[in-house]
Protein backbone atom coordinates (compact mmCIF):
# COMPACT_ATOMS: atom_id res chain seq x y z
CA MET A 1 159.82 115.12 206.01
CA VAL A 2 158.97 112.11 208.18
CA SER A 3 159.91 112.26 211.85
CA SER A 4 162.22 109.74 213.44
CA THR A 5 159.32 108.11 215.20
CA GLU A 6 157.45 107.27 212.00
CA THR A 7 157.87 104.85 209.14
CA VAL A 8 156.35 105.50 205.74
CA VAL A 9 153.99 102.85 204.47
CA GLY A 10 154.95 102.03 200.92
CA ALA A 11 151.77 100.16 199.97
CA PRO A 12 148.36 99.47 201.34
CA LEU A 13 147.67 96.33 203.30
CA THR A 14 146.74 93.64 200.82
CA ARG A 15 146.85 90.41 202.76
CA GLY A 16 146.40 89.05 206.24
CA PRO A 17 143.36 88.10 208.29
CA ALA A 18 141.74 91.53 208.28
CA PRO A 19 142.65 93.76 205.37
CA LEU A 20 142.44 97.40 206.29
CA ALA A 21 142.25 100.35 203.96
CA VAL A 22 145.47 102.31 204.44
CA LYS A 23 146.58 105.25 202.40
CA ALA A 24 149.83 104.73 200.55
CA ASP A 25 151.27 107.95 201.89
CA SER A 26 150.16 107.48 205.49
CA ALA A 27 152.76 107.20 208.23
CA VAL A 28 152.91 104.39 210.75
CA PRO A 29 154.23 105.51 214.15
CA SER A 30 156.92 103.51 215.88
CA ALA A 31 156.07 105.07 219.26
CA ASP A 32 152.87 105.27 221.28
CA PHE A 33 151.76 108.89 221.71
CA GLY A 34 155.02 109.88 219.99
CA ILE A 35 157.00 109.11 223.19
CA ILE A 36 156.84 105.46 224.27
CA PRO A 37 158.51 103.07 221.76
CA ILE A 38 156.29 100.34 220.36
CA PRO A 39 158.02 96.92 220.51
CA LYS A 40 159.31 96.16 217.01
CA ARG A 41 157.40 92.88 216.73
CA LEU A 42 154.13 94.79 217.33
CA ARG A 43 154.67 97.59 214.81
CA TYR A 44 152.47 97.56 211.77
CA ASP A 45 154.09 96.14 208.66
CA PRO A 46 151.94 95.72 205.54
CA ASP A 47 154.27 92.99 204.30
CA LYS A 48 154.09 90.95 207.53
CA PRO A 49 150.55 90.94 208.92
CA PHE A 50 150.33 90.17 212.62
CA HIS A 51 148.98 86.69 213.42
CA PHE A 52 145.80 86.78 215.52
CA GLY A 53 146.33 83.60 217.51
CA LEU A 54 144.85 82.06 220.63
CA LEU A 55 147.20 83.93 223.00
CA LEU A 56 146.21 87.33 221.66
CA ASN A 57 142.54 86.37 221.59
CA ALA A 58 142.71 85.13 225.21
CA SER A 59 144.46 88.36 226.25
CA PHE A 60 141.51 90.29 224.79
CA GLY A 61 139.21 88.21 226.97
CA PHE A 62 141.39 88.73 230.07
CA ALA A 63 141.44 92.49 229.54
CA SER A 64 137.65 92.55 229.07
CA THR A 65 137.14 90.63 232.32
CA PHE A 66 139.06 92.97 234.58
CA VAL A 67 138.11 96.25 232.91
CA VAL A 68 134.36 95.65 232.80
CA ALA A 69 134.55 94.49 236.44
CA ASN A 70 135.01 98.18 237.34
CA LEU A 71 131.30 98.67 236.67
CA TYR A 72 130.16 96.05 239.17
CA TYR A 73 132.51 96.10 242.16
CA CYS A 74 130.31 98.70 243.87
CA GLN A 75 127.05 96.74 243.84
CA PRO A 76 127.67 94.40 246.83
CA LEU A 77 129.48 97.14 248.78
CA LEU A 78 126.79 99.79 249.14
CA ILE A 79 126.21 99.11 252.85
CA GLU A 80 129.96 99.29 253.48
CA PHE A 81 130.09 102.61 251.62
CA SER A 82 127.35 104.11 253.80
CA LYS A 83 129.19 103.08 256.95
CA SER A 84 132.60 104.25 255.75
CA PHE A 85 131.41 107.65 254.47
CA ASN A 86 128.92 108.02 257.35
CA VAL A 87 125.96 108.70 255.05
CA THR A 88 122.54 107.14 254.56
CA ASP A 89 121.85 104.14 252.35
CA GLY A 90 119.84 106.39 250.06
CA GLU A 91 122.84 108.61 249.37
CA VAL A 92 125.04 105.70 248.24
CA SER A 93 122.26 103.97 246.30
CA VAL A 94 122.92 106.30 243.36
CA ILE A 95 126.48 104.99 242.90
CA PRO A 96 125.58 102.00 240.64
CA THR A 97 123.37 104.32 238.58
CA LEU A 98 126.21 106.82 238.16
CA VAL A 99 128.60 104.06 237.04
CA GLN A 100 126.12 102.78 234.47
CA ALA A 101 125.35 106.32 233.29
CA GLY A 102 129.08 106.89 232.76
CA TYR A 103 129.32 103.61 230.85
CA ALA A 104 126.45 104.67 228.56
CA THR A 105 128.24 107.97 227.95
CA GLY A 106 131.44 106.14 227.05
CA LEU A 107 129.58 103.81 224.70
CA LEU A 108 128.01 106.73 222.90
CA LEU A 109 130.97 109.12 222.73
CA ILE A 110 134.18 107.08 223.07
CA SER A 111 133.68 103.57 221.64
CA PRO A 112 132.93 104.91 218.09
CA LEU A 113 136.49 106.29 218.10
CA GLY A 114 137.58 102.76 217.26
CA ASP A 115 136.57 103.58 213.68
CA LEU A 116 138.64 106.75 213.62
CA VAL A 117 141.90 106.46 215.62
CA ARG A 118 144.63 103.88 216.20
CA ARG A 119 143.14 101.37 218.58
CA ARG A 120 146.32 100.33 220.38
CA GLN A 121 146.84 103.89 221.62
CA LEU A 122 143.14 104.30 222.45
CA ILE A 123 143.09 101.10 224.52
CA LEU A 124 146.30 101.99 226.38
CA LEU A 125 144.95 105.45 227.18
CA LEU A 126 141.60 104.14 228.41
CA VAL A 127 143.17 101.51 230.68
CA LEU A 128 145.62 104.08 232.05
CA VAL A 129 142.79 106.52 232.81
CA SER A 130 140.58 103.88 234.43
CA THR A 131 143.52 102.73 236.60
CA ALA A 132 144.22 106.30 237.72
CA LEU A 133 140.55 106.82 238.56
CA THR A 134 140.49 103.57 240.54
CA ILE A 135 143.39 104.89 242.63
CA GLY A 136 141.21 107.89 243.41
CA LEU A 137 138.29 105.63 244.41
CA SER A 138 140.49 103.68 246.80
CA ILE A 139 141.80 106.67 248.75
CA THR A 140 139.12 109.38 248.72
CA PRO A 141 137.40 110.10 252.07
CA ASN A 142 134.59 112.13 250.47
CA VAL A 143 131.41 110.48 249.19
CA HIS A 144 130.74 113.19 246.59
CA VAL A 145 134.22 112.81 245.10
CA PHE A 146 133.69 109.05 245.14
CA GLU A 147 130.43 109.44 243.21
CA ALA A 148 132.03 111.73 240.62
CA LEU A 149 134.91 109.28 240.13
CA CYS A 150 132.42 106.42 239.73
CA TYR A 151 130.79 108.24 236.82
CA LEU A 152 134.16 108.92 235.19
CA ILE A 153 135.36 105.35 235.64
CA GLY A 154 132.19 104.20 233.89
CA VAL A 155 133.08 106.47 230.95
CA ALA A 156 136.62 105.06 230.78
CA SER A 157 135.66 101.38 231.12
CA VAL A 158 134.61 100.85 227.50
CA THR A 159 137.83 99.04 226.56
CA PRO A 160 135.97 95.74 225.90
CA GLN A 161 133.84 97.56 223.35
CA ILE A 162 137.01 98.63 221.52
CA LEU A 163 138.42 95.10 221.69
CA MET A 164 135.28 93.43 220.32
CA PRO A 165 135.30 95.04 216.85
CA LEU A 166 139.12 94.89 216.83
CA ALA A 167 138.93 91.12 217.29
CA ALA A 168 136.45 90.96 214.41
CA ASP A 169 138.91 92.92 212.25
CA LEU A 170 141.95 90.84 213.12
CA ALA A 171 140.40 87.36 213.00
CA THR A 172 140.02 85.48 209.73
CA PRO A 173 136.40 85.25 208.52
CA GLU A 174 136.22 81.54 209.35
CA ARG A 175 137.28 82.26 212.97
CA ARG A 176 135.45 85.53 213.55
CA ALA A 177 132.63 84.16 215.68
CA SER A 178 135.08 82.13 217.79
CA ALA A 179 137.19 85.22 218.39
CA LEU A 180 134.14 87.27 219.37
CA SER A 181 132.92 84.55 221.73
CA VAL A 182 136.23 84.58 223.62
CA VAL A 183 136.06 88.35 224.14
CA LEU A 184 132.39 88.18 225.09
CA SER A 185 133.08 85.33 227.52
CA GLY A 186 135.69 87.51 229.20
CA LEU A 187 133.24 90.37 229.43
CA MET A 188 130.45 88.19 230.89
CA LEU A 189 132.92 86.60 233.31
CA GLY A 190 133.94 90.05 234.52
CA ILE A 191 130.33 90.95 235.25
CA LEU A 192 129.81 87.81 237.32
CA ILE A 193 133.20 87.60 239.04
CA ALA A 194 133.23 91.26 240.11
CA ARG A 195 130.19 90.82 242.32
CA VAL A 196 131.53 87.60 243.85
CA LEU A 197 135.00 89.00 244.60
CA ALA A 198 133.70 92.30 245.93
CA GLY A 199 131.14 90.56 248.14
CA VAL A 200 133.63 88.10 249.62
CA ILE A 201 136.43 90.63 250.16
CA GLY A 202 134.04 93.27 251.51
CA ASN A 203 132.60 90.75 253.96
CA PHE A 204 135.95 90.06 255.60
CA ASN A 205 138.02 93.22 254.95
CA SER A 206 137.70 96.90 254.11
CA TRP A 207 135.93 97.73 250.87
CA ARG A 208 139.03 99.69 249.83
CA ILE A 209 140.93 96.43 249.40
CA VAL A 210 138.57 95.59 246.54
CA TYR A 211 139.77 98.68 244.71
CA TYR A 212 143.42 98.01 245.60
CA MET A 213 142.95 94.66 243.87
CA ALA A 214 141.30 96.42 240.91
CA ILE A 215 144.32 98.71 240.59
CA GLY A 216 146.63 95.70 240.49
CA VAL A 217 144.74 93.76 237.83
CA GLN A 218 144.34 96.85 235.66
CA CYS A 219 148.08 97.47 235.87
CA LEU A 220 148.54 93.92 234.60
CA VAL A 221 146.11 94.66 231.77
CA LEU A 222 148.02 97.85 230.92
CA ILE A 223 151.39 96.10 230.88
CA GLY A 224 149.98 93.18 228.92
CA ALA A 225 148.38 95.50 226.36
CA TYR A 226 151.69 97.29 225.84
CA LEU A 227 153.58 94.01 225.37
CA ILE A 228 151.00 92.04 223.34
CA LEU A 229 148.59 94.36 221.53
CA PRO A 230 149.63 94.92 217.89
CA ASP A 231 149.50 98.36 216.31
CA TYR A 232 147.19 98.63 213.32
CA PRO A 233 146.39 101.66 211.18
CA ALA A 234 143.41 103.86 211.82
CA LYS A 235 140.39 103.48 209.57
CA ASN A 236 138.21 106.07 207.87
CA HIS A 237 140.80 108.80 207.32
CA ASP A 238 138.17 110.84 205.49
CA LEU A 239 135.80 111.09 208.47
CA THR A 240 135.75 113.43 211.45
CA TYR A 241 134.55 112.66 214.96
CA PHE A 242 131.17 114.31 214.39
CA LYS A 243 130.72 112.49 211.09
CA ILE A 244 131.42 109.25 212.93
CA LEU A 245 128.62 110.03 215.39
CA TYR A 246 126.29 111.08 212.56
CA THR A 247 126.88 107.90 210.58
CA MET A 248 126.36 105.81 213.73
CA ALA A 249 122.94 107.45 214.17
CA ARG A 250 122.20 106.83 210.49
CA TYR A 251 123.05 103.13 210.82
CA ALA A 252 120.69 102.93 213.79
CA VAL A 253 117.67 104.13 211.80
CA THR A 254 118.32 103.08 208.19
CA GLU A 255 119.85 99.58 208.34
CA PRO A 256 117.15 96.87 208.54
CA LEU A 257 119.53 94.25 209.99
CA VAL A 258 120.80 96.65 212.66
CA ILE A 259 117.26 97.61 213.71
CA GLN A 260 116.13 93.98 213.76
CA THR A 261 119.16 92.98 215.83
CA ALA A 262 118.73 95.91 218.24
CA LEU A 263 115.10 94.99 218.91
CA ILE A 264 116.05 91.35 219.56
CA ASN A 265 118.90 92.53 221.78
CA ILE A 266 116.65 94.79 223.84
CA ALA A 267 114.16 92.00 224.50
CA SER A 268 116.85 89.39 225.20
CA SER A 269 118.83 91.66 227.50
CA ALA A 270 115.64 92.57 229.37
CA CYS A 271 114.97 88.86 229.94
CA PHE A 272 118.53 88.16 231.05
CA SER A 273 118.61 91.07 233.51
CA CYS A 274 115.14 90.31 234.81
CA PHE A 275 116.08 86.68 235.47
CA TRP A 276 119.21 87.45 237.49
CA VAL A 277 117.73 90.37 239.43
CA THR A 278 114.56 88.53 240.45
CA LEU A 279 116.49 85.32 241.16
CA THR A 280 117.60 86.89 244.46
CA PHE A 281 113.96 87.42 245.47
CA LEU A 282 112.97 83.92 244.36
CA LEU A 283 115.75 82.11 246.24
CA GLY A 284 115.50 84.34 249.32
CA GLY A 285 111.77 83.69 249.76
CA PRO A 286 109.54 80.63 250.00
CA PRO A 287 110.10 77.74 249.51
CA TYR A 288 113.91 78.12 249.55
CA TYR A 289 114.84 80.83 252.09
CA TYR A 290 118.50 80.70 251.03
CA SER A 291 121.10 82.97 252.59
CA THR A 292 122.98 85.62 250.59
CA LEU A 293 126.02 83.31 250.43
CA TYR A 294 124.05 80.46 248.86
CA ILE A 295 122.35 82.81 246.44
CA GLY A 296 125.77 84.13 245.40
CA LEU A 297 126.88 80.60 244.53
CA PHE A 298 124.35 80.54 241.69
CA GLY A 299 126.62 83.06 239.99
CA LEU A 300 129.17 80.24 239.74
CA VAL A 301 126.66 78.25 237.70
CA GLY A 302 126.42 81.23 235.38
CA MET A 303 130.22 81.31 235.13
CA LEU A 304 130.24 77.70 233.93
CA GLY A 305 127.82 78.69 231.20
CA VAL A 306 130.07 81.57 230.19
CA LEU A 307 133.11 79.28 229.92
CA VAL A 308 131.27 77.10 227.40
CA GLY A 309 130.84 80.12 225.12
CA PRO A 310 134.13 79.83 223.17
CA LEU A 311 133.28 76.23 222.26
CA VAL A 312 129.91 77.34 220.90
CA GLY A 313 131.69 79.99 218.83
CA ARG A 314 133.17 77.25 216.64
CA LEU A 315 129.65 76.14 215.70
CA ILE A 316 128.67 79.72 214.86
CA ASP A 317 131.64 79.95 212.49
CA LYS A 318 130.26 77.07 210.43
CA LEU A 319 126.67 78.28 210.06
CA VAL A 320 124.90 81.32 208.66
CA PRO A 321 124.40 83.62 211.70
CA TRP A 322 120.61 83.66 211.22
CA TYR A 323 120.41 79.94 211.95
CA THR A 324 122.57 80.05 215.08
CA THR A 325 120.45 82.96 216.31
CA LEU A 326 117.34 80.86 215.66
CA VAL A 327 118.77 77.87 217.55
CA ALA A 328 119.98 80.02 220.46
CA THR A 329 116.66 81.88 220.80
CA SER A 330 114.73 78.59 220.67
CA ILE A 331 116.95 77.17 223.42
CA LEU A 332 116.36 80.30 225.49
CA LEU A 333 112.62 79.68 225.09
CA VAL A 334 113.01 76.05 226.21
CA PHE A 335 115.04 76.83 229.35
CA GLN A 336 112.75 79.71 230.25
CA SER A 337 109.87 77.23 230.00
CA VAL A 338 111.67 75.02 232.53
CA GLN A 339 111.98 78.01 234.85
CA THR A 340 108.30 78.92 234.32
CA ALA A 341 107.13 75.39 235.07
CA ALA A 342 109.22 74.57 238.13
CA GLY A 343 111.47 77.48 239.11
CA GLY A 344 109.52 78.18 242.30
CA ILE A 345 109.02 74.50 243.12
CA ASN A 346 112.35 72.69 242.74
CA VAL A 347 115.82 74.23 242.91
CA SER A 348 117.16 71.85 240.23
CA ALA A 349 115.01 73.69 237.69
CA VAL A 350 116.68 76.96 238.71
CA VAL A 351 120.17 75.46 238.31
CA ILE A 352 119.30 74.06 234.88
CA ALA A 353 117.84 77.40 233.81
CA CYS A 354 120.87 79.34 235.08
CA PHE A 355 123.26 77.25 233.02
CA GLY A 356 121.14 76.94 229.89
CA LEU A 357 120.11 80.60 229.72
CA ASP A 358 123.73 81.76 230.07
CA VAL A 359 125.03 79.51 227.29
CA ALA A 360 122.17 80.29 224.91
CA ARG A 361 122.25 84.03 225.62
CA GLN A 362 125.94 84.22 224.83
CA THR A 363 125.45 82.19 221.65
CA GLN A 364 122.68 84.52 220.55
CA GLN A 365 124.73 87.62 221.24
CA VAL A 366 127.77 86.36 219.29
CA SER A 367 125.55 85.32 216.37
CA LEU A 368 123.89 88.71 216.20
CA ALA A 369 127.21 90.55 216.43
CA THR A 370 128.72 88.38 213.68
CA ALA A 371 125.81 89.19 211.39
CA VAL A 372 125.89 92.94 212.06
CA PHE A 373 129.70 93.21 211.73
CA SER A 374 129.38 91.84 208.19
CA ILE A 375 127.59 95.05 207.12
CA SER A 376 130.77 97.13 207.01
CA ALA A 377 134.32 96.33 208.12
CA SER A 378 135.11 100.04 208.41
CA ALA A 379 132.17 100.75 210.74
CA ARG A 380 132.39 97.90 213.24
CA ALA A 381 133.08 100.11 216.25
CA ARG A 382 129.96 102.16 215.51
CA LEU A 383 127.86 99.07 214.84
CA ASN A 384 129.09 97.51 218.07
CA ALA A 385 128.22 100.69 219.99
CA ILE A 386 124.64 100.46 218.69
CA LEU A 387 124.39 96.82 219.76
CA ILE A 388 125.74 97.50 223.26
CA LEU A 389 123.48 100.52 223.70
CA SER A 390 120.52 98.30 222.83
CA LEU A 391 121.71 95.82 225.47
CA PHE A 392 121.95 98.66 227.97
CA ILE A 393 118.38 99.75 227.23
CA GLY A 394 117.21 96.17 227.70
CA GLN A 395 119.00 95.89 231.04
CA VAL A 396 117.27 98.99 232.38
CA MET A 397 113.87 97.78 231.16
CA GLY A 398 114.33 94.25 232.47
CA THR A 399 115.51 95.35 235.90
CA SER A 400 112.73 97.89 236.49
CA VAL A 401 109.77 96.12 234.88
CA GLY A 402 110.80 92.64 236.02
CA THR A 403 111.13 93.73 239.64
CA GLN A 404 107.70 95.36 239.61
CA VAL A 405 106.02 92.31 238.06
CA PHE A 406 107.74 89.95 240.51
CA VAL A 407 106.78 92.01 243.56
CA GLN A 408 103.17 92.53 242.49
CA HIS A 409 102.34 89.23 240.76
CA GLY A 410 104.95 86.65 241.80
CA TRP A 411 107.69 84.60 240.18
CA ARG A 412 105.54 82.74 237.67
CA ALA A 413 104.01 85.90 236.19
CA CYS A 414 107.52 87.35 235.87
CA SER A 415 108.72 84.17 234.17
CA LEU A 416 105.74 84.21 231.78
CA LEU A 417 106.63 87.77 230.82
CA MET A 418 110.15 86.63 229.89
CA LEU A 419 108.68 83.70 227.97
CA ALA A 420 106.56 86.13 225.93
CA LEU A 421 109.62 88.28 225.21
CA TYR A 422 111.52 85.24 223.89
CA ALA A 423 108.58 84.47 221.60
CA PHE A 424 108.71 88.11 220.43
CA GLN A 425 112.38 87.62 219.51
CA LEU A 426 111.52 84.60 217.35
CA GLY A 427 108.85 86.67 215.63
CA MET A 428 111.30 89.49 214.94
CA LEU A 429 113.85 87.01 213.56
CA ALA A 430 111.25 85.47 211.25
CA LEU A 431 110.54 88.83 209.56
CA ARG A 432 113.81 88.58 207.63
CA GLY A 433 115.04 85.25 206.30
CA PRO A 434 118.60 83.89 206.53
CA HIS A 435 119.61 85.36 203.16
CA CYS A 436 117.46 88.49 203.07
CA PRO A 437 119.27 91.28 201.17
CA ARG A 438 120.78 94.03 203.28
CA ASN A 439 118.38 96.75 202.12
CA HIS A 440 115.17 94.69 202.52
CA TRP A 441 113.10 95.28 205.65
CA PHE A 442 111.13 92.04 205.27
CA GLY A 443 111.27 88.91 203.15
CA TRP A 444 112.62 85.46 202.48
CA VAL A 445 114.83 85.09 199.41
CA GLY A 446 117.91 83.12 198.47
CA GLY A 447 116.84 79.70 199.74
CA PHE A 448 117.41 78.04 203.10
CA GLU A 449 121.05 76.93 202.98
CA ALA A 450 122.50 76.97 206.52
CA ARG A 451 126.16 76.13 205.89
CA LYS A 452 128.25 79.27 205.63
CA SER A 453 130.90 77.65 203.42
CA VAL A 454 128.30 76.64 200.82
CA VAL A 455 126.75 80.11 200.78
CA GLU A 456 130.16 81.76 200.37
CA ALA A 457 131.09 79.38 197.53
CA ARG A 458 127.86 80.25 195.74
CA GLN A 459 128.55 83.96 196.14
CA ILE A 460 132.02 83.52 194.62
CA ASP A 461 130.59 81.56 191.70
CA ASP A 462 127.89 84.17 191.10
CA ALA A 463 130.48 86.96 191.18
CA SER A 464 132.68 85.08 188.69
CA GLU A 465 129.78 84.52 186.30
CA ALA A 466 128.77 88.18 186.53
CA ALA A 467 132.33 89.29 185.76
CA ALA A 468 132.78 86.93 182.78
CA PRO A 469 131.76 88.24 179.29
CA ASP A 470 128.43 86.89 178.16
CA SER A 471 129.52 85.54 174.76
CA ILE A 472 126.24 83.77 174.15
CA ASP A 473 124.27 86.96 174.58
CA GLU A 474 126.61 88.73 172.15
CA ALA A 475 126.11 86.05 169.48
CA GLN A 476 122.32 85.77 169.59
CA PRO A 477 119.42 87.06 171.65
CA PRO A 478 118.27 84.80 174.50
CA GLU A 479 115.32 82.58 173.80
CA LYS A 480 113.89 83.07 177.30
CA MET A 481 113.92 86.01 179.62
CA GLU A 482 112.80 86.29 183.25
CA GLU A 483 109.58 88.18 183.73
CA GLY A 484 110.16 91.87 184.29
CA LEU A 485 113.74 91.87 182.92
CA VAL A 486 114.24 94.80 180.55
CA ARG A 487 116.87 94.42 177.86
CA HIS A 488 118.04 97.14 175.55
CA ILE A 489 117.54 96.45 171.81
CA ASP A 490 120.05 97.66 169.31
CA SER A 491 118.83 100.94 167.87
CA GLY A 492 119.38 99.81 164.29
CA ASP A 493 117.33 96.66 164.75
CA ALA A 494 114.61 98.71 166.40
CA ALA A 495 114.47 100.99 163.37
CA SER A 496 114.22 98.05 161.00
CA ALA A 497 111.43 96.53 163.03
CA ALA A 498 109.55 99.80 162.83
């Protein structure tokens, strides 16, 4: 018997922007967590697929902005923490590390759940938990409790990494890259805006006001998610949580495209983190000697680059992802060359590099994600977790190694290191051509066509020809055969020939 809070699905989903495999006998809940009613217009109906429009896409970006900001509010406030808790700077210096460690834990253990459970309920639960933890951060008088809560809030702030593969599922194939770029723009904006807001508010008021603000915006995200986020069925009913983790590990070591993308991501993320961390040292020293306020304004230049991202997503939708990755990585190389040549001589070179590197980095990341998400629609949460973990590894490497190189050898040596890493990315990309088969580690096959629509049309034609009966072959043997092609000969004819 079906409970009053559930509706039986009569047939699997067969149309809409993102077809999902749903069992015919599965039940679709009409209440979140069995208690809170889901608005009727947001309930899953296989006969009326929910439209993934600009409003919903923008709401994904808004949610990403103010959830991921939880990870970065603390960074400009460390001195204020030491004064408020009456501890040394060394004791509070571990707080950003704890937040990032919690985020890595959430990426590894929570974000893959997007391939296993209903994502509306998962997102609502994560935002609710992160809001509750932020309340604790804003009122606790104990530094050790604050540190523990920082770790937990890092674990719970993986909502953007649930929204990213969800956007890929809901968007039509021809709009997938655009949808991903909007979510990624929101995430990047959150990283940049969190530091600016926290620094400004903390400079003029108590640091606790920053977290009061964070509570407010997360409540807006929670309310908005309840009112806007559609309910879609869970995927992979035949898998368990531990099988999800196992298959994620298997993807990470057996899929050539995933490994290639992860290596490019690590190098690119290392460059991006290295640039922004060492930029403070560059602008604060000779010949600029800028104040902290002026240095912070360069983050606004980065924000402008982030806002261009959704426009670039339209270009990615039209091309094979390999080519947009090639263009983006080449542009990264060009703007890093500008920084290498004149970054420590003229501030205009720094401004140009800030803008260009942000736009090209976002383009590269969306292109890589679009390519990897095409591997399996039912495993996008796991694939996304691998990509973000590779970014995380790159951030750690870029921050630590870049700082050491800058301090010991100067800005130009640090910039040359990043230039070499961008060249490494081009080399990694060149190992597998734009149409290299999924199971090939190296190679160039399938031509050089860059337009996605042409490639898809050819694939449809090839599939149609393969499905059609080969009447010519049935009537007479072919006059020519490709080298190495083995054809079975009728046993009777073979006997006669003998």
